[in-house]
Amino acid sequence: MRQLGELEAEIMHRLWAWGRPATARDVLTDINKERPLAYSTVKTVADILHRKGMLARLKDGRAWVYTPTCTRQQYTAALMQDALGENPDPAGALASFVEQISSDEAEALRSALRAVKRRNSA
């Protein structure tokens, strides 16, 4: 999975944070609180995200309503999996990663590993 471009990420982060379907106009209104952007630009990028499989869309009157097809966590996991898959030494990459994370992140990783182990044992 390819990393998102800047505007793609802005759109996805808003949709993930909102946890509800939204139109390109909804996204534009929120982005325009920080910087001016054209409706056509947001609409085009939302359509690109739909073609990439990142957004599902349903027609609501004349507008498309967009919903993420994956969670932020699933997207992040796919990026991490791609990075590991491209590395000839995934164990070394993981060791380097663990050396760089905070103690809270390390505890979150241990907790996630325990949860997966419990699910796989059931």
Protein backbone atom coordinates (compact mmCIF):
# COMPACT_ATOMS: atom_id res chain seq x y z
CA MET A 1 0.00 0.00 0.00
CA ARG A 2 1.34 3.38 -1.03
CA GLN A 3 1.65 6.16 1.52
CA LEU A 4 -0.99 8.86 1.10
CA GLY A 5 -0.17 12.24 -0.41
CA GLU A 6 -0.62 15.38 1.70
CA LEU A 7 -4.20 16.20 0.70
CA GLU A 8 -5.18 12.53 0.57
CA ALA A 9 -3.98 12.20 4.16
CA GLU A 10 -5.86 15.34 5.23
CA ILE A 11 -9.09 13.96 3.82
CA MET A 12 -8.61 10.50 5.31
CA HIS A 13 -7.62 11.84 8.74
CA ARG A 14 -10.80 13.92 8.88
CA LEU A 15 -13.01 11.01 7.85
CA TRP A 16 -11.34 8.69 10.34
CA ALA A 17 -11.65 11.26 13.13
CA TRP A 18 -15.30 12.03 12.34
CA GLY A 19 -16.28 8.37 12.22
CA ARG A 20 -19.16 9.14 9.86
CA PRO A 21 -19.73 9.43 6.12
CA ALA A 22 -19.14 12.87 4.65
CA THR A 23 -19.33 14.74 1.36
CA ALA A 24 -16.47 16.52 -0.35
CA ARG A 25 -18.22 19.76 0.67
CA ASP A 26 -18.08 18.69 4.37
CA VAL A 27 -14.36 18.03 4.05
CA LEU A 28 -13.77 21.28 2.18
CA THR A 29 -15.59 23.31 4.84
CA ASP A 30 -13.31 21.85 7.51
CA ILE A 31 -10.10 22.28 5.51
CA ASN A 32 -11.04 25.88 4.69
CA LYS A 33 -10.89 26.67 8.42
CA GLU A 34 -7.11 26.26 8.08
CA ARG A 35 -6.39 27.18 4.45
CA PRO A 36 -8.29 28.02 1.30
CA LEU A 37 -8.85 25.19 -1.14
CA ALA A 38 -11.15 24.76 -4.14
CA TYR A 39 -14.10 22.37 -4.02
CA SER A 40 -12.98 20.79 -7.28
CA THR A 41 -9.61 19.92 -5.73
CA VAL A 42 -11.16 18.13 -2.75
CA LYS A 43 -13.67 16.39 -5.02
CA THR A 44 -10.92 15.20 -7.38
CA VAL A 45 -8.77 13.86 -4.56
CA ALA A 46 -11.78 12.12 -2.95
CA ASP A 47 -12.49 10.47 -6.32
CA ILE A 48 -8.86 9.36 -6.55
CA LEU A 49 -9.09 7.86 -3.05
CA HIS A 50 -12.24 6.05 -4.17
CA ARG A 51 -10.46 4.62 -7.23
CA LYS A 52 -7.56 3.51 -5.00
CA GLY A 53 -10.03 1.64 -2.79
CA MET A 54 -9.50 3.87 0.25
CA LEU A 55 -13.03 5.35 0.14
CA ALA A 56 -16.42 3.86 -0.59
CA ARG A 57 -19.05 6.25 -1.90
CA LEU A 58 -22.82 6.36 -2.17
CA LYS A 59 -24.93 8.87 -4.05
CA ASP A 60 -27.02 11.16 -1.82
CA GLY A 61 -29.03 13.43 -4.08
CA ARG A 62 -26.47 15.08 -6.35
CA ALA A 63 -23.51 14.54 -4.02
CA TRP A 64 -21.32 11.55 -3.27
CA VAL A 65 -21.01 10.60 0.40
CA TYR A 66 -17.63 9.06 1.23
CA THR A 67 -16.72 6.50 3.89
CA PRO A 68 -13.26 5.03 4.59
CA THR A 69 -12.91 1.38 3.59
CA CYS A 70 -10.37 0.74 6.34
CA THR A 71 -9.57 2.11 9.76
CA ARG A 72 -6.56 4.31 10.46
CA GLN A 73 -5.05 1.33 12.30
CA GLN A 74 -5.54 -0.99 9.33
CA TYR A 75 -3.96 1.56 6.99
CA THR A 76 -0.96 2.00 9.30
CA ALA A 77 -0.59 -1.78 9.65
CA ALA A 78 -0.61 -2.18 5.85
CA LEU A 79 2.15 0.43 5.51
CA MET A 80 4.21 -1.34 8.17
CA GLN A 81 3.66 -4.72 6.50
CA ASP A 82 4.78 -3.31 3.15
CA ALA A 83 7.91 -1.84 4.73
CA LEU A 84 8.76 -5.16 6.37
CA GLY A 85 8.02 -7.12 3.21
CA GLU A 86 10.44 -4.99 1.21
CA ASN A 87 13.24 -5.42 3.75
CA PRO A 88 15.62 -8.38 3.28
CA ASP A 89 16.04 -8.51 7.10
CA PRO A 90 12.58 -8.04 8.65
CA ALA A 91 13.79 -9.22 12.08
CA GLY A 92 16.53 -6.59 12.03
CA ALA A 93 14.08 -3.91 10.95
CA LEU A 94 11.73 -4.88 13.78
CA ALA A 95 14.59 -4.83 16.30
CA SER A 96 15.62 -1.36 15.12
CA PHE A 97 12.01 -0.20 15.36
CA VAL A 98 11.63 -1.50 18.92
CA GLU A 99 14.86 0.25 19.95
CA GLN A 100 13.38 3.57 18.80
CA ILE A 101 9.92 3.44 20.39
CA SER A 102 8.96 4.89 23.77
CA SER A 103 8.24 2.75 26.81
CA ASP A 104 4.50 3.46 26.39
CA GLU A 105 4.67 2.33 22.76
CA ALA A 106 6.61 -0.79 23.78
CA GLU A 107 3.92 -1.62 26.34
CA ALA A 108 1.23 -1.10 23.68
CA LEU A 109 3.14 -3.50 21.41
CA ARG A 110 3.39 -6.13 24.18
CA SER A 111 -0.34 -5.72 24.87
CA ALA A 112 -1.17 -6.13 21.18
CA LEU A 113 0.97 -9.27 20.94
CA ARG A 114 -0.77 -10.76 24.00
CA ALA A 115 -4.21 -9.96 22.54
CA VAL A 116 -3.34 -11.60 19.21
CA LYS A 117 -1.94 -14.64 21.00
CA ARG A 118 -5.16 -14.99 23.03
CA ARG A 119 -7.31 -14.68 19.88
CA ASN A 120 -5.22 -17.25 18.03
CA SER A 121 -5.34 -19.66 20.99
CA ALA A 122 -9.13 -19.53 21.25
